[in-house]
Amino acid sequence: NVYTNALQLDPADSRTAGFESFYMNDVIDWEMHGWDFKLGLLYQFNKNARFGFNVKFPTYYTVEEIYSYKAESQFSTGTIFEISEITDLIEYEIKTPFELSAGISSKLLFGIVSGEVKIIDYKQMEFTDGLGSQYRIDKNNEIEDLFRTTLNFNVGAELRLPVLPIRGRIGFIYNQSPYLD
C-alpha cells in the first residue's frame, strides 16, 4: 500500500497509477570449451636435489554467450508495460599467454625445501575471433594498455620430526597482479 491509485509514476501518463509489480529477468549463459598443452622436464642432480622446467602453451577458449532480457511492470489500471524477451548470441575466441616456470627442490636432513618461479606475459592474451573486427582490435589494444608481465614466486618446506611419523609444511606464495597499475 505504498503506491496508491492516486500516485502516478509518470505524471504525464494516467496509465501508470497504482503500481502493483515489476518483473525483470536478466541472464547471461556461457558455454566454454578449450584446449591447452604443457611440456615439462624434470632432472635429478643427485639423490637429494631435482630441477624442473615447464612450458604451458596458450590455452584457446571458444565462448558462446547467450544473453536474454525481459522486463514487465503492472499497474492497477490494468496497464502492463513490457520489454519483450531479447535474446542475443555472441561467439568469440580467446587465447591466453604462455607460462614459463622453473623450480628446484632439495632433500635435507629433516625435510625438503623447494622453490619455483613463473613468468607470464599477460599482454599476450588476445581475442582471436568473433566480436566484430574493430571491436576485437579495440579490446586487444586495451589488453596491451592494461596488462603486464608478471614474475611469481613460491617457496616452501616440509619438515619431519625425527622420532614421530609427523610432518609439517610451510610455504609462501607471491603472485603479482597482471594489471599494469
N, C-alpha and C. Protein backbone atom coordinates (compact mmCIF):
# COMPACT_ATOMS: atom_id res chain seq x y z
N ASN A 1 0.82 -1.22 0.00
CA ASN A 1 0.00 0.00 0.00
C ASN A 1 0.85 1.27 0.00
N VAL A 2 2.05 1.18 -0.50
CA VAL A 2 2.90 2.36 -0.60
C VAL A 2 2.44 3.21 -1.78
N TYR A 3 2.13 2.56 -2.90
CA TYR A 3 1.69 3.27 -4.09
C TYR A 3 0.17 3.12 -4.19
N THR A 4 -0.52 4.22 -4.20
CA THR A 4 -1.99 4.18 -4.30
C THR A 4 -2.39 4.54 -5.72
N ASN A 5 -3.69 4.39 -6.00
CA ASN A 5 -4.21 4.74 -7.33
C ASN A 5 -4.00 6.21 -7.64
N ALA A 6 -3.91 7.04 -6.60
CA ALA A 6 -3.77 8.48 -6.83
C ALA A 6 -2.36 8.83 -7.33
N LEU A 7 -1.36 7.98 -7.00
CA LEU A 7 0.00 8.28 -7.39
C LEU A 7 0.29 7.70 -8.76
N GLN A 8 0.77 8.54 -9.65
CA GLN A 8 1.18 8.09 -10.98
C GLN A 8 2.69 8.14 -11.04
N LEU A 9 3.31 7.05 -11.44
CA LEU A 9 4.77 7.05 -11.54
C LEU A 9 5.24 8.02 -12.62
N ASP A 10 4.46 8.14 -13.69
CA ASP A 10 4.73 9.14 -14.72
C ASP A 10 3.56 10.12 -14.69
N PRO A 11 3.75 11.32 -14.15
CA PRO A 11 2.64 12.28 -14.02
C PRO A 11 1.93 12.59 -15.33
N ALA A 12 2.62 12.39 -16.45
CA ALA A 12 2.03 12.70 -17.74
C ALA A 12 1.25 11.51 -18.32
N ASP A 13 1.26 10.35 -17.63
CA ASP A 13 0.61 9.15 -18.16
C ASP A 13 -0.27 8.54 -17.08
N SER A 14 -1.58 8.71 -17.21
CA SER A 14 -2.53 8.21 -16.19
C SER A 14 -2.53 6.69 -16.09
N ARG A 15 -2.00 6.00 -17.10
CA ARG A 15 -1.96 4.53 -17.05
C ARG A 15 -0.97 4.02 -16.00
N THR A 16 -0.07 4.90 -15.49
CA THR A 16 0.95 4.47 -14.53
C THR A 16 0.50 4.66 -13.08
N ALA A 17 -0.79 4.80 -12.85
CA ALA A 17 -1.31 4.93 -11.48
C ALA A 17 -1.47 3.54 -10.86
N GLY A 18 -1.22 3.44 -9.55
CA GLY A 18 -1.44 2.19 -8.82
C GLY A 18 -0.43 1.11 -9.18
N PHE A 19 0.83 1.42 -9.01
CA PHE A 19 1.88 0.43 -9.28
C PHE A 19 1.63 -0.84 -8.48
N GLU A 20 1.71 -2.01 -9.14
CA GLU A 20 1.48 -3.29 -8.46
C GLU A 20 2.74 -4.18 -8.45
N SER A 21 3.40 -4.32 -9.59
CA SER A 21 4.54 -5.24 -9.59
C SER A 21 5.51 -4.90 -10.72
N PHE A 22 6.72 -5.41 -10.53
CA PHE A 22 7.76 -5.27 -11.54
C PHE A 22 8.51 -6.59 -11.60
N TYR A 23 8.75 -7.10 -12.81
CA TYR A 23 9.48 -8.34 -13.01
C TYR A 23 10.59 -8.07 -14.02
N MET A 24 11.81 -8.57 -13.71
CA MET A 24 12.92 -8.43 -14.64
C MET A 24 13.73 -9.72 -14.60
N ASN A 25 14.07 -10.22 -15.77
CA ASN A 25 14.90 -11.40 -15.89
C ASN A 25 16.06 -11.05 -16.82
N ASP A 26 17.28 -11.02 -16.28
CA ASP A 26 18.48 -10.59 -17.00
C ASP A 26 19.50 -11.72 -16.86
N VAL A 27 19.75 -12.48 -17.93
CA VAL A 27 20.55 -13.70 -17.84
C VAL A 27 21.66 -13.71 -18.89
N ILE A 28 22.86 -14.10 -18.45
CA ILE A 28 23.95 -14.40 -19.38
C ILE A 28 24.31 -15.86 -19.15
N ASP A 29 24.24 -16.65 -20.19
CA ASP A 29 24.55 -18.07 -20.12
C ASP A 29 25.77 -18.33 -21.00
N TRP A 30 26.85 -18.80 -20.38
CA TRP A 30 28.09 -19.05 -21.12
C TRP A 30 28.31 -20.53 -21.32
N GLU A 31 28.75 -20.89 -22.49
CA GLU A 31 29.24 -22.24 -22.74
C GLU A 31 30.65 -22.07 -23.25
N MET A 32 31.60 -22.70 -22.55
CA MET A 32 33.01 -22.53 -22.89
C MET A 32 33.65 -23.89 -23.12
N HIS A 33 34.52 -23.95 -24.09
CA HIS A 33 35.35 -25.12 -24.26
C HIS A 33 36.70 -24.66 -24.82
N GLY A 34 37.71 -25.45 -24.55
CA GLY A 34 39.03 -25.04 -24.99
C GLY A 34 40.03 -26.18 -24.87
N TRP A 35 41.27 -25.86 -25.18
CA TRP A 35 42.34 -26.84 -25.09
C TRP A 35 43.66 -26.12 -24.81
N ASP A 36 44.57 -26.87 -24.21
CA ASP A 36 45.91 -26.35 -24.00
C ASP A 36 46.91 -27.50 -23.99
N PHE A 37 48.17 -27.16 -23.81
CA PHE A 37 49.23 -28.17 -23.86
C PHE A 37 50.36 -27.72 -22.94
N LYS A 38 50.87 -28.65 -22.14
CA LYS A 38 52.00 -28.37 -21.26
C LYS A 38 53.13 -29.34 -21.58
N LEU A 39 54.34 -28.84 -21.43
CA LEU A 39 55.52 -29.67 -21.64
C LEU A 39 56.48 -29.39 -20.50
N GLY A 40 56.97 -30.44 -19.87
CA GLY A 40 57.85 -30.26 -18.74
C GLY A 40 59.04 -31.18 -18.77
N LEU A 41 60.06 -30.81 -18.00
CA LEU A 41 61.28 -31.58 -17.90
C LEU A 41 61.66 -31.62 -16.43
N LEU A 42 62.06 -32.79 -15.94
CA LEU A 42 62.50 -32.94 -14.57
C LEU A 42 63.86 -33.61 -14.59
N TYR A 43 64.82 -32.99 -13.92
CA TYR A 43 66.17 -33.54 -13.89
C TYR A 43 66.58 -33.73 -12.44
N GLN A 44 67.11 -34.90 -12.12
CA GLN A 44 67.58 -35.18 -10.77
C GLN A 44 69.10 -35.06 -10.76
N PHE A 45 69.61 -34.03 -10.03
CA PHE A 45 71.06 -33.81 -9.94
C PHE A 45 71.75 -34.98 -9.25
N ASN A 46 71.23 -35.31 -8.11
CA ASN A 46 71.76 -36.41 -7.31
C ASN A 46 70.61 -36.96 -6.48
N LYS A 47 70.91 -37.75 -5.46
CA LYS A 47 69.86 -38.35 -4.65
C LYS A 47 68.99 -37.31 -3.93
N ASN A 48 69.53 -36.13 -3.73
CA ASN A 48 68.85 -35.15 -2.88
C ASN A 48 68.35 -33.89 -3.58
N ALA A 49 68.61 -33.71 -4.85
CA ALA A 49 68.22 -32.45 -5.50
C ALA A 49 67.63 -32.69 -6.89
N ARG A 50 66.57 -31.92 -7.19
CA ARG A 50 65.92 -32.00 -8.50
C ARG A 50 65.67 -30.61 -9.05
N PHE A 51 65.63 -30.53 -10.37
CA PHE A 51 65.33 -29.29 -11.07
C PHE A 51 64.23 -29.58 -12.08
N GLY A 52 63.28 -28.67 -12.20
CA GLY A 52 62.22 -28.85 -13.18
C GLY A 52 61.99 -27.59 -13.98
N PHE A 53 61.53 -27.77 -15.21
CA PHE A 53 61.20 -26.66 -16.11
C PHE A 53 59.89 -27.01 -16.80
N ASN A 54 59.01 -26.03 -16.95
CA ASN A 54 57.70 -26.29 -17.52
C ASN A 54 57.30 -25.16 -18.47
N VAL A 55 56.73 -25.51 -19.60
CA VAL A 55 56.16 -24.54 -20.54
C VAL A 55 54.68 -24.87 -20.69
N LYS A 56 53.83 -23.89 -20.39
CA LYS A 56 52.40 -24.05 -20.65
C LYS A 56 52.10 -23.20 -21.87
N PHE A 57 51.73 -23.86 -22.93
CA PHE A 57 51.41 -23.16 -24.17
C PHE A 57 50.07 -22.46 -24.01
N PRO A 58 49.76 -21.49 -24.86
CA PRO A 58 48.49 -20.77 -24.73
C PRO A 58 47.28 -21.70 -24.72
N THR A 59 46.31 -21.34 -23.91
CA THR A 59 45.02 -22.03 -23.90
C THR A 59 44.12 -21.29 -24.89
N TYR A 60 43.42 -22.05 -25.69
CA TYR A 60 42.48 -21.47 -26.66
C TYR A 60 41.07 -21.80 -26.22
N TYR A 61 40.29 -20.77 -25.92
CA TYR A 61 38.90 -20.93 -25.48
C TYR A 61 37.95 -20.45 -26.57
N THR A 62 36.87 -21.18 -26.76
CA THR A 62 35.75 -20.71 -27.56
C THR A 62 34.60 -20.47 -26.59
N VAL A 63 34.03 -19.27 -26.64
CA VAL A 63 32.97 -18.88 -25.72
C VAL A 63 31.70 -18.60 -26.53
N GLU A 64 30.62 -19.25 -26.14
CA GLU A 64 29.30 -18.94 -26.69
C GLU A 64 28.51 -18.30 -25.56
N GLU A 65 28.12 -17.06 -25.77
CA GLU A 65 27.44 -16.29 -24.74
C GLU A 65 26.02 -15.99 -25.22
N ILE A 66 25.05 -16.48 -24.48
CA ILE A 66 23.65 -16.20 -24.82
C ILE A 66 23.12 -15.23 -23.76
N TYR A 67 22.72 -14.07 -24.23
CA TYR A 67 22.20 -13.03 -23.35
C TYR A 67 20.71 -12.90 -23.58
N SER A 68 19.94 -12.93 -22.50
CA SER A 68 18.50 -12.71 -22.65
C SER A 68 18.01 -11.75 -21.57
N TYR A 69 17.01 -10.95 -21.94
CA TYR A 69 16.48 -9.92 -21.06
C TYR A 69 14.99 -9.79 -21.30
N LYS A 70 14.23 -9.71 -20.21
CA LYS A 70 12.79 -9.48 -20.29
C LYS A 70 12.38 -8.70 -19.06
N ALA A 71 11.49 -7.72 -19.24
CA ALA A 71 11.01 -6.92 -18.11
C ALA A 71 9.54 -6.59 -18.30
N GLU A 72 8.85 -6.44 -17.17
CA GLU A 72 7.41 -6.16 -17.22
C GLU A 72 7.00 -5.45 -15.93
N SER A 73 6.16 -4.40 -16.05
CA SER A 73 5.58 -3.75 -14.87
C SER A 73 4.06 -3.69 -15.05
N GLN A 74 3.37 -3.87 -13.91
CA GLN A 74 1.91 -3.91 -13.92
C GLN A 74 1.36 -2.82 -13.01
N PHE A 75 0.21 -2.25 -13.44
CA PHE A 75 -0.45 -1.19 -12.69
C PHE A 75 -1.91 -1.56 -12.46
N SER A 76 -2.51 -0.97 -11.42
CA SER A 76 -3.91 -1.30 -11.09
C SER A 76 -4.89 -0.81 -12.15
N THR A 77 -4.44 0.02 -13.06
CA THR A 77 -5.29 0.48 -14.16
C THR A 77 -5.46 -0.62 -15.22
N GLY A 78 -4.74 -1.75 -15.00
CA GLY A 78 -4.78 -2.83 -15.98
C GLY A 78 -3.70 -2.72 -17.04
N THR A 79 -2.93 -1.67 -16.96
CA THR A 79 -1.86 -1.45 -17.93
C THR A 79 -0.66 -2.32 -17.60
N ILE A 80 -0.09 -2.92 -18.62
CA ILE A 80 1.14 -3.70 -18.48
C ILE A 80 2.13 -3.13 -19.48
N PHE A 81 3.26 -2.67 -18.97
CA PHE A 81 4.35 -2.22 -19.83
C PHE A 81 5.37 -3.35 -19.84
N GLU A 82 5.80 -3.74 -21.04
CA GLU A 82 6.78 -4.82 -21.08
C GLU A 82 7.81 -4.59 -22.17
N ILE A 83 8.97 -5.13 -21.88
CA ILE A 83 10.01 -5.25 -22.89
C ILE A 83 10.04 -6.73 -23.21
N SER A 84 9.60 -7.07 -24.41
CA SER A 84 9.55 -8.49 -24.75
C SER A 84 10.96 -9.07 -24.76
N GLU A 85 11.03 -10.36 -24.64
CA GLU A 85 12.32 -11.01 -24.45
C GLU A 85 13.26 -10.72 -25.61
N ILE A 86 14.46 -10.29 -25.23
CA ILE A 86 15.54 -10.03 -26.17
C ILE A 86 16.56 -11.15 -25.97
N THR A 87 16.92 -11.81 -27.02
CA THR A 87 17.94 -12.87 -26.92
C THR A 87 19.01 -12.58 -27.96
N ASP A 88 20.25 -12.67 -27.50
CA ASP A 88 21.38 -12.37 -28.38
C ASP A 88 22.45 -13.44 -28.18
N LEU A 89 22.99 -13.95 -29.26
CA LEU A 89 24.07 -14.94 -29.21
C LEU A 89 25.35 -14.29 -29.69
N ILE A 90 26.38 -14.37 -28.85
CA ILE A 90 27.69 -13.84 -29.21
C ILE A 90 28.68 -14.99 -29.08
N GLU A 91 29.53 -15.16 -30.08
CA GLU A 91 30.54 -16.20 -30.04
C GLU A 91 31.90 -15.56 -30.31
N TYR A 92 32.89 -15.91 -29.49
CA TYR A 92 34.23 -15.37 -29.67
C TYR A 92 35.27 -16.35 -29.16
N GLU A 93 36.52 -16.09 -29.53
CA GLU A 93 37.63 -16.94 -29.11
C GLU A 93 38.68 -16.10 -28.39
N ILE A 94 39.27 -16.72 -27.36
CA ILE A 94 40.28 -16.06 -26.54
C ILE A 94 41.52 -16.95 -26.48
N LYS A 95 42.68 -16.32 -26.54
CA LYS A 95 43.95 -17.04 -26.37
C LYS A 95 44.65 -16.49 -25.14
N THR A 96 45.04 -17.38 -24.21
CA THR A 96 45.77 -16.96 -23.02
C THR A 96 47.27 -16.95 -23.30
N PRO A 97 48.09 -16.36 -22.42
CA PRO A 97 49.53 -16.28 -22.68
C PRO A 97 50.29 -17.57 -22.36
N PHE A 98 51.51 -17.65 -22.87
CA PHE A 98 52.47 -18.69 -22.48
C PHE A 98 52.78 -18.51 -20.99
N GLU A 99 53.13 -19.59 -20.33
CA GLU A 99 53.63 -19.53 -18.96
C GLU A 99 54.91 -20.35 -18.90
N LEU A 100 55.97 -19.75 -18.41
CA LEU A 100 57.26 -20.45 -18.24
C LEU A 100 57.54 -20.55 -16.75
N SER A 101 57.89 -21.74 -16.29
CA SER A 101 58.21 -21.89 -14.87
C SER A 101 59.39 -22.82 -14.69
N ALA A 102 60.13 -22.58 -13.61
CA ALA A 102 61.26 -23.42 -13.25
C ALA A 102 61.25 -23.57 -11.73
N GLY A 103 61.65 -24.74 -11.28
CA GLY A 103 61.66 -25.00 -9.86
C GLY A 103 62.80 -25.90 -9.45
N ILE A 104 63.08 -25.89 -8.16
CA ILE A 104 64.15 -26.72 -7.62
C ILE A 104 63.70 -27.22 -6.26
N SER A 105 64.11 -28.43 -5.94
CA SER A 105 63.83 -28.97 -4.60
C SER A 105 65.05 -29.73 -4.12
N SER A 106 65.20 -29.74 -2.81
CA SER A 106 66.34 -30.42 -2.22
C SER A 106 65.92 -31.09 -0.93
N LYS A 107 66.40 -32.31 -0.78
CA LYS A 107 66.13 -33.08 0.43
C LYS A 107 67.22 -32.75 1.44
N LEU A 108 66.80 -32.34 2.64
CA LEU A 108 67.74 -32.03 3.71
C LEU A 108 67.61 -33.07 4.82
N LEU A 109 68.34 -32.91 5.87
CA LEU A 109 68.36 -33.87 6.97
C LEU A 109 66.97 -34.07 7.57
N PHE A 110 66.22 -32.98 7.79
CA PHE A 110 64.91 -33.09 8.43
C PHE A 110 63.75 -32.70 7.51
N GLY A 111 63.91 -32.79 6.22
CA GLY A 111 62.79 -32.47 5.34
C GLY A 111 63.21 -32.10 3.93
N ILE A 112 62.33 -31.37 3.28
CA ILE A 112 62.52 -30.98 1.88
C ILE A 112 62.24 -29.48 1.76
N VAL A 113 63.05 -28.77 1.00
CA VAL A 113 62.78 -27.37 0.67
C VAL A 113 62.62 -27.27 -0.84
N SER A 114 61.76 -26.35 -1.26
CA SER A 114 61.54 -26.21 -2.70
C SER A 114 61.21 -24.76 -3.04
N GLY A 115 61.40 -24.43 -4.30
CA GLY A 115 61.08 -23.10 -4.78
C GLY A 115 60.74 -23.15 -6.26
N GLU A 116 59.94 -22.18 -6.68
CA GLU A 116 59.53 -22.11 -8.08
C GLU A 116 59.40 -20.65 -8.47
N VAL A 117 59.71 -20.35 -9.71
CA VAL A 117 59.49 -19.03 -10.28
C VAL A 117 58.71 -19.22 -11.59
N LYS A 118 57.73 -18.34 -11.82
CA LYS A 118 56.89 -18.45 -13.01
C LYS A 118 56.78 -17.08 -13.67
N ILE A 119 56.94 -17.05 -14.99
CA ILE A 119 56.82 -15.81 -15.77
C ILE A 119 55.61 -15.93 -16.69
N ILE A 120 54.74 -14.91 -16.64
CA ILE A 120 53.56 -14.87 -17.51
C ILE A 120 53.46 -13.46 -18.09
N ASP A 121 53.43 -13.37 -19.41
CA ASP A 121 53.27 -12.07 -20.07
C ASP A 121 51.80 -11.92 -20.47
N TYR A 122 51.03 -11.27 -19.61
CA TYR A 122 49.60 -11.14 -19.84
C TYR A 122 49.26 -10.27 -21.05
N LYS A 123 50.22 -9.52 -21.57
CA LYS A 123 49.99 -8.74 -22.79
C LYS A 123 49.77 -9.64 -24.00
N GLN A 124 50.15 -10.93 -23.88
CA GLN A 124 49.97 -11.88 -24.98
C GLN A 124 48.52 -12.36 -25.11
N MET A 125 47.69 -12.10 -24.09
CA MET A 125 46.29 -12.50 -24.21
C MET A 125 45.67 -11.77 -25.39
N GLU A 126 44.73 -12.44 -26.05
CA GLU A 126 44.05 -11.74 -27.14
C GLU A 126 42.76 -12.44 -27.53
N PHE A 127 41.86 -11.63 -28.03
CA PHE A 127 40.65 -12.17 -28.66
C PHE A 127 41.06 -12.49 -30.10
N THR A 128 40.87 -13.75 -30.50
CA THR A 128 41.37 -14.17 -31.81
C THR A 128 40.29 -14.27 -32.88
N ASP A 129 39.01 -14.30 -32.47
CA ASP A 129 37.93 -14.41 -33.45
C ASP A 129 36.64 -13.93 -32.80
N GLY A 130 35.69 -13.52 -33.64
CA GLY A 130 34.39 -13.08 -33.17
C GLY A 130 34.40 -11.63 -32.72
N LEU A 131 33.27 -11.17 -32.22
CA LEU A 131 33.05 -9.83 -31.65
C LEU A 131 33.07 -8.70 -32.66
N GLY A 132 33.31 -8.96 -33.90
CA GLY A 132 33.43 -7.90 -34.89
C GLY A 132 34.86 -7.41 -34.94
N SER A 133 35.36 -7.17 -36.10
CA SER A 133 36.77 -6.88 -36.32
C SER A 133 37.27 -5.67 -35.53
N GLN A 134 36.61 -4.52 -35.64
CA GLN A 134 37.09 -3.31 -34.97
C GLN A 134 36.97 -3.43 -33.46
N TYR A 135 35.88 -4.00 -32.96
CA TYR A 135 35.70 -4.19 -31.51
C TYR A 135 36.80 -5.09 -30.97
N ARG A 136 37.12 -6.16 -31.70
CA ARG A 136 38.17 -7.09 -31.29
C ARG A 136 39.53 -6.37 -31.26
N ILE A 137 39.80 -5.56 -32.24
CA ILE A 137 41.05 -4.77 -32.28
C ILE A 137 41.11 -3.84 -31.07
N ASP A 138 40.00 -3.16 -30.78
CA ASP A 138 39.95 -2.24 -29.63
C ASP A 138 40.20 -2.99 -28.32
N LYS A 139 39.59 -4.16 -28.15
CA LYS A 139 39.76 -4.94 -26.91
C LYS A 139 41.19 -5.45 -26.80
N ASN A 140 41.80 -5.85 -27.90
CA ASN A 140 43.19 -6.31 -27.86
C ASN A 140 44.14 -5.16 -27.53
N ASN A 141 43.84 -3.96 -28.03
CA ASN A 141 44.63 -2.77 -27.66
C ASN A 141 44.47 -2.46 -26.18
N GLU A 142 43.27 -2.66 -25.66
CA GLU A 142 43.00 -2.44 -24.24
C GLU A 142 43.83 -3.41 -23.39
N ILE A 143 43.93 -4.66 -23.82
CA ILE A 143 44.76 -5.65 -23.12
C ILE A 143 46.21 -5.17 -23.08
N GLU A 144 46.71 -4.66 -24.21
CA GLU A 144 48.09 -4.13 -24.27
C GLU A 144 48.29 -2.99 -23.28
N ASP A 145 47.28 -2.14 -23.13
CA ASP A 145 47.40 -0.97 -22.25
C ASP A 145 47.24 -1.31 -20.77
N LEU A 146 46.47 -2.35 -20.45
CA LEU A 146 46.13 -2.63 -19.05
C LEU A 146 47.00 -3.68 -18.37
N PHE A 147 47.61 -4.57 -19.14
CA PHE A 147 48.30 -5.71 -18.53
C PHE A 147 49.81 -5.63 -18.67
N ARG A 148 50.50 -6.51 -17.94
CA ARG A 148 51.96 -6.53 -17.91
C ARG A 148 52.48 -7.95 -17.75
N THR A 149 53.80 -8.10 -17.75
CA THR A 149 54.45 -9.38 -17.47
C THR A 149 54.58 -9.52 -15.96
N THR A 150 54.30 -10.71 -15.45
CA THR A 150 54.43 -10.94 -14.01
C THR A 150 55.52 -11.97 -13.73
N LEU A 151 56.09 -11.85 -12.55
CA LEU A 151 57.08 -12.78 -12.05
C LEU A 151 56.58 -13.26 -10.69
N ASN A 152 56.20 -14.53 -10.62
CA ASN A 152 55.59 -15.09 -9.41
C ASN A 152 56.57 -16.07 -8.75
N PHE A 153 56.55 -16.11 -7.41
CA PHE A 153 57.46 -16.97 -6.65
C PHE A 153 56.69 -17.85 -5.68
N ASN A 154 57.14 -19.07 -5.52
CA ASN A 154 56.64 -19.99 -4.49
C ASN A 154 57.86 -20.58 -3.80
N VAL A 155 57.85 -20.59 -2.48
CA VAL A 155 58.88 -21.29 -1.71
C VAL A 155 58.18 -22.07 -0.61
N GLY A 156 58.75 -23.19 -0.25
CA GLY A 156 58.13 -23.99 0.79
C GLY A 156 59.08 -25.00 1.38
N ALA A 157 58.64 -25.57 2.49
CA ALA A 157 59.43 -26.60 3.17
C ALA A 157 58.49 -27.60 3.79
N GLU A 158 58.94 -28.83 3.80
CA GLU A 158 58.24 -29.90 4.52
C GLU A 158 59.23 -30.43 5.54
N LEU A 159 58.86 -30.34 6.81
CA LEU A 159 59.74 -30.77 7.88
C LEU A 159 59.15 -31.98 8.57
N ARG A 160 60.01 -32.92 8.95
CA ARG A 160 59.52 -34.10 9.67
C ARG A 160 60.23 -34.17 11.02
N LEU A 161 59.46 -34.63 11.99
CA LEU A 161 60.03 -34.83 13.32
C LEU A 161 60.81 -36.15 13.30
N PRO A 162 62.01 -36.16 13.84
CA PRO A 162 62.86 -37.33 13.71
C PRO A 162 62.31 -38.59 14.38
N VAL A 163 61.56 -38.47 15.45
CA VAL A 163 61.11 -39.64 16.19
C VAL A 163 59.68 -40.05 15.82
N LEU A 164 58.83 -39.05 15.50
CA LEU A 164 57.41 -39.31 15.23
C LEU A 164 57.12 -39.31 13.73
N PRO A 165 56.09 -40.05 13.31
CA PRO A 165 55.72 -40.03 11.88
C PRO A 165 54.83 -38.82 11.55
N ILE A 166 55.28 -37.64 11.93
CA ILE A 166 54.51 -36.41 11.72
C ILE A 166 55.35 -35.47 10.85
N ARG A 167 54.66 -34.84 9.90
CA ARG A 167 55.32 -33.86 9.04
C ARG A 167 54.54 -32.55 9.09
N GLY A 168 55.24 -31.47 8.94
CA GLY A 168 54.61 -30.16 8.87
C GLY A 168 55.06 -29.44 7.61
N ARG A 169 54.18 -28.62 7.08
CA ARG A 169 54.53 -27.87 5.87
C ARG A 169 54.33 -26.38 6.10
N ILE A 170 55.17 -25.63 5.44
CA ILE A 170 55.07 -24.18 5.49
C ILE A 170 55.45 -23.66 4.10
N GLY A 171 54.83 -22.57 3.70
CA GLY A 171 55.14 -22.04 2.38
C GLY A 171 54.77 -20.58 2.24
N PHE A 172 55.26 -20.01 1.17
CA PHE A 172 54.99 -18.61 0.86
C PHE A 172 54.78 -18.50 -0.65
N ILE A 173 53.76 -17.75 -1.04
CA ILE A 173 53.48 -17.52 -2.45
C ILE A 173 53.41 -16.01 -2.70
N TYR A 174 54.06 -15.56 -3.73
CA TYR A 174 53.96 -14.16 -4.17
C TYR A 174 53.53 -14.15 -5.62
N ASN A 175 52.30 -13.69 -5.87
CA ASN A 175 51.77 -13.57 -7.23
C ASN A 175 51.52 -12.10 -7.52
N GLN A 176 52.20 -11.57 -8.51
CA GLN A 176 51.99 -10.18 -8.91
C GLN A 176 50.65 -10.03 -9.60
N SER A 177 50.07 -8.87 -9.48
CA SER A 177 48.86 -8.57 -10.22
C SER A 177 49.21 -8.46 -11.70
N PRO A 178 48.37 -9.03 -12.57
CA PRO A 178 48.63 -8.89 -14.00
C PRO A 178 48.33 -7.49 -14.54
N TYR A 179 47.65 -6.66 -13.72
CA TYR A 179 47.31 -5.31 -14.16
C TYR A 179 48.51 -4.37 -14.02
N LEU A 180 48.72 -3.54 -15.00
CA LEU A 180 49.87 -2.66 -15.07
C LEU A 180 49.95 -1.72 -13.87
N ASP A 181 48.87 -1.11 -13.50
CA ASP A 181 48.90 -0.14 -12.38
C ASP A 181 48.27 -0.72 -11.15
